[in-house]
Amino acid sequence: MDNTNSSKMRAYQKQKNKEEMQKHLISFGLMIVLTIIAFAVVATGAMDKIFVIPVLVVLATIQVAFQFYYFMHMKDKEHGMPATMIYGGIWAALLTLAALGVISWW
């Protein structure tokens, strides 16, 4: 009975690891595509210069989200405190940028 249970656990863990690796590879592929898009936007000059920076910021934000979610394992339940610290840091950075923007605009 114990041997059957152990083999089921190994099979389950193997399947879970396989699914996790597939998600990592898909995420990595998407990040490569986003990087190629960013290079193409800059290299071809297909967009007006005023739109290039916002597009690059959006692409970079998507890549950071992929990095946090998949490669830094923020989707896992055990990472509650690190996720809180990272999101708090992002919030503080956004508030700082907003304050600097208001100060320099004023």
Protein backbone atom coordinates (compact mmCIF):
# COMPACT_ATOMS: atom_id res chain seq x y z
CA MET A 1 0.00 0.00 0.00
CA ASP A 2 2.78 2.43 0.92
CA ASN A 3 4.68 1.67 -2.30
CA THR A 4 1.59 2.41 -4.42
CA ASN A 5 1.03 5.69 -2.60
CA SER A 6 4.67 6.66 -3.08
CA SER A 7 4.58 5.91 -6.82
CA LYS A 8 1.38 7.97 -7.17
CA MET A 9 3.04 10.88 -5.40
CA ARG A 10 6.08 10.65 -7.68
CA ALA A 11 3.85 10.54 -10.77
CA TYR A 12 1.88 13.53 -9.49
CA GLN A 13 5.06 15.50 -8.74
CA LYS A 14 6.51 14.61 -12.14
CA GLN A 15 3.35 15.85 -13.89
CA LYS A 16 3.34 19.02 -11.80
CA ASN A 17 7.01 19.70 -12.64
CA LYS A 18 6.30 19.11 -16.33
CA GLU A 19 3.42 21.60 -16.30
CA GLU A 20 5.55 24.14 -14.43
CA MET A 21 8.36 23.78 -16.99
CA GLN A 22 5.90 24.28 -19.84
CA LYS A 23 4.65 27.49 -18.23
CA HIS A 24 8.23 28.70 -17.78
CA LEU A 25 9.06 27.99 -21.42
CA ILE A 26 5.91 29.71 -22.69
CA SER A 27 6.63 32.73 -20.50
CA PHE A 28 10.25 32.82 -21.67
CA GLY A 29 9.11 32.65 -25.30
CA LEU A 30 6.66 35.50 -24.76
CA MET A 31 9.37 37.62 -23.18
CA ILE A 32 11.64 36.99 -26.17
CA VAL A 33 8.80 38.03 -28.51
CA LEU A 34 8.19 41.20 -26.47
CA THR A 35 11.90 42.02 -26.64
CA ILE A 36 11.94 41.51 -30.41
CA ILE A 37 8.88 43.77 -30.72
CA ALA A 38 10.63 46.45 -28.66
CA PHE A 39 13.74 46.25 -30.84
CA ALA A 40 11.62 46.36 -34.00
CA VAL A 41 9.69 49.42 -32.80
CA VAL A 42 12.92 51.31 -32.16
CA ALA A 43 14.92 50.04 -35.14
CA THR A 44 12.29 50.49 -37.84
CA GLY A 45 11.06 53.89 -36.73
CA ALA A 46 7.55 52.78 -37.72
CA MET A 47 5.99 54.82 -34.91
CA ASP A 48 6.12 58.50 -34.12
CA LYS A 49 8.81 59.22 -31.58
CA ILE A 50 6.22 60.42 -29.08
CA PHE A 51 4.64 56.94 -28.97
CA VAL A 52 7.85 54.90 -28.76
CA ILE A 53 8.57 55.48 -25.07
CA PRO A 54 5.04 54.64 -23.83
CA VAL A 55 5.03 51.47 -25.95
CA LEU A 56 8.42 50.46 -24.54
CA VAL A 57 7.23 51.16 -20.99
CA VAL A 58 4.15 48.97 -21.52
CA LEU A 59 6.26 46.15 -22.99
CA ALA A 60 8.74 46.43 -20.11
CA THR A 61 5.92 46.36 -17.55
CA ILE A 62 4.52 43.19 -19.10
CA GLN A 63 7.97 41.60 -18.95
CA VAL A 64 8.42 42.56 -15.30
CA ALA A 65 5.03 41.02 -14.52
CA PHE A 66 6.10 37.77 -16.25
CA GLN A 67 9.36 37.82 -14.30
CA PHE A 68 7.62 38.26 -10.97
CA TYR A 69 4.82 35.83 -11.62
CA TYR A 70 6.70 32.92 -13.16
CA PHE A 71 10.42 33.20 -12.54
CA MET A 72 10.26 34.69 -9.05
CA HIS A 73 7.36 32.34 -8.17
CA MET A 74 5.07 35.09 -6.89
CA LYS A 75 2.12 32.92 -7.89
CA ASP A 76 2.99 30.45 -5.13
CA LYS A 77 1.11 30.75 -1.84
CA GLU A 78 4.28 30.56 0.28
CA HIS A 79 5.56 33.89 -1.04
CA GLY A 80 3.12 36.18 0.74
CA MET A 81 5.61 38.36 2.59
CA PRO A 82 8.09 38.79 -0.31
CA ALA A 83 5.17 39.64 -2.60
CA THR A 84 3.94 42.22 -0.10
CA MET A 85 7.40 43.78 0.10
CA ILE A 86 7.82 43.89 -3.68
CA TYR A 87 4.36 45.36 -4.27
CA GLY A 88 5.00 47.88 -1.50
CA GLY A 89 8.26 48.85 -3.20
CA ILE A 90 6.50 49.28 -6.52
CA TRP A 91 3.86 51.44 -4.84
CA ALA A 92 6.54 53.58 -3.17
CA ALA A 93 8.37 53.98 -6.49
CA LEU A 94 5.17 55.05 -8.24
CA LEU A 95 4.38 57.57 -5.51
CA THR A 96 7.93 58.94 -5.71
CA LEU A 97 7.71 59.29 -9.50
CA ALA A 98 4.31 60.96 -9.20
CA ALA A 99 5.64 63.39 -6.58
CA LEU A 100 8.69 64.23 -8.70
CA GLY A 101 6.44 64.74 -11.70
CA VAL A 102 4.16 67.10 -9.78
CA ILE A 103 7.09 69.02 -8.30
CA SER A 104 8.84 69.48 -11.65
CA TRP A 105 5.60 70.34 -13.44
CA TRP A 106 4.49 72.82 -10.80
